[in-house]
Amino acid sequence: MARAVFFRMNPHPSCGAIEAVGPCGYTKHIEVCHRRDVADFPDTALILEINDIKNLTGLCPTHHWEFDHQMLNNPLP
């Protein structure tokens, strides 16, 4: 469902990670990433809240992995 929400709102996405030289901008394969981890929501949270477009961003595979492992140097926009 998160992918459907994200791609409906972003039909031509690019990686949203910010590098030292500017935005990544990769467009070949974009993964949908939850800004706030699903596990950080209470058990009572609705899927609509978890997959709200404000909680989603698109990242290239490298930046998604770095984000998930707390290695992304710059915060997401």
Protein backbone atom coordinates (compact mmCIF):
# COMPACT_ATOMS: atom_id res chain seq x y z
CA MET A 1 0.00 0.00 0.00
CA ALA A 2 2.86 2.43 0.74
CA ARG A 3 4.16 2.02 -2.82
CA ALA A 4 0.73 2.73 -4.28
CA VAL A 5 0.34 5.89 -2.19
CA PHE A 6 3.84 7.14 -2.96
CA PHE A 7 3.81 6.50 -6.70
CA ARG A 8 0.29 7.94 -7.09
CA MET A 9 1.58 11.20 -5.60
CA ASN A 10 5.02 10.99 -7.32
CA PRO A 11 4.60 9.55 -10.83
CA HIS A 12 8.24 10.37 -11.83
CA PRO A 13 10.21 10.10 -8.57
CA SER A 14 13.91 10.45 -7.97
CA CYS A 15 16.00 9.68 -4.91
CA GLY A 16 15.29 12.27 -2.23
CA ALA A 17 18.57 11.88 -0.35
CA ILE A 18 20.78 14.94 -0.08
CA GLU A 19 24.49 14.38 -0.64
CA ALA A 20 27.34 16.82 -0.03
CA VAL A 21 27.08 18.04 -3.64
CA GLY A 22 23.27 18.21 -3.72
CA PRO A 23 20.35 15.87 -4.32
CA CYS A 24 21.14 12.30 -5.38
CA GLY A 25 18.57 12.42 -8.18
CA TYR A 26 18.84 8.73 -9.15
CA THR A 27 15.72 7.65 -11.08
CA LYS A 28 16.27 4.09 -12.37
CA HIS A 29 14.92 2.21 -9.31
CA ILE A 30 13.21 4.05 -6.47
CA GLU A 31 12.29 2.28 -3.25
CA VAL A 32 9.61 3.64 -0.94
CA CYS A 33 10.93 4.38 2.53
CA HIS A 34 9.02 5.20 5.70
CA ARG A 35 10.54 8.29 7.34
CA ARG A 36 9.26 7.09 10.72
CA ASP A 37 9.77 3.35 11.08
CA VAL A 38 6.63 1.22 11.11
CA ALA A 39 7.79 -0.32 14.41
CA ASP A 40 7.81 3.15 16.02
CA PHE A 41 4.04 3.50 15.65
CA PRO A 42 1.75 2.29 18.44
CA ASP A 43 -0.18 -0.92 17.88
CA THR A 44 -3.34 1.18 17.58
CA ALA A 45 -2.02 3.19 14.60
CA LEU A 46 -4.01 2.90 11.43
CA ILE A 47 -2.32 1.82 8.20
CA LEU A 48 -3.49 5.14 6.71
CA GLU A 49 -1.43 6.97 9.34
CA ILE A 50 1.66 4.82 8.80
CA ASN A 51 1.45 5.13 5.01
CA ASP A 52 0.55 8.82 4.98
CA ILE A 53 2.41 10.56 2.13
CA LYS A 54 4.19 12.78 4.71
CA ASN A 55 5.76 9.61 6.17
CA LEU A 56 6.97 8.31 2.80
CA THR A 57 9.93 9.23 0.64
CA GLY A 58 11.61 7.70 -2.37
CA LEU A 59 15.23 6.59 -2.15
CA CYS A 60 17.65 4.77 -4.41
CA PRO A 61 18.62 1.32 -3.08
CA THR A 62 21.93 2.57 -1.65
CA HIS A 63 20.42 5.50 0.23
CA HIS A 64 17.52 3.34 1.46
CA TRP A 65 19.99 0.87 2.95
CA GLU A 66 22.00 3.71 4.50
CA PHE A 67 18.82 5.23 5.96
CA ASP A 68 17.71 1.89 7.44
CA HIS A 69 21.13 1.43 9.04
CA GLN A 70 21.38 5.00 10.38
CA MET A 71 24.26 5.74 8.02
CA LEU A 72 22.66 8.46 5.91
CA ASN A 73 24.72 11.56 6.73
CA ASN A 74 22.11 14.15 5.80
CA PRO A 75 18.50 14.20 6.94
CA LEU A 76 15.80 13.58 4.39
CA PRO A 77 14.09 16.67 2.96
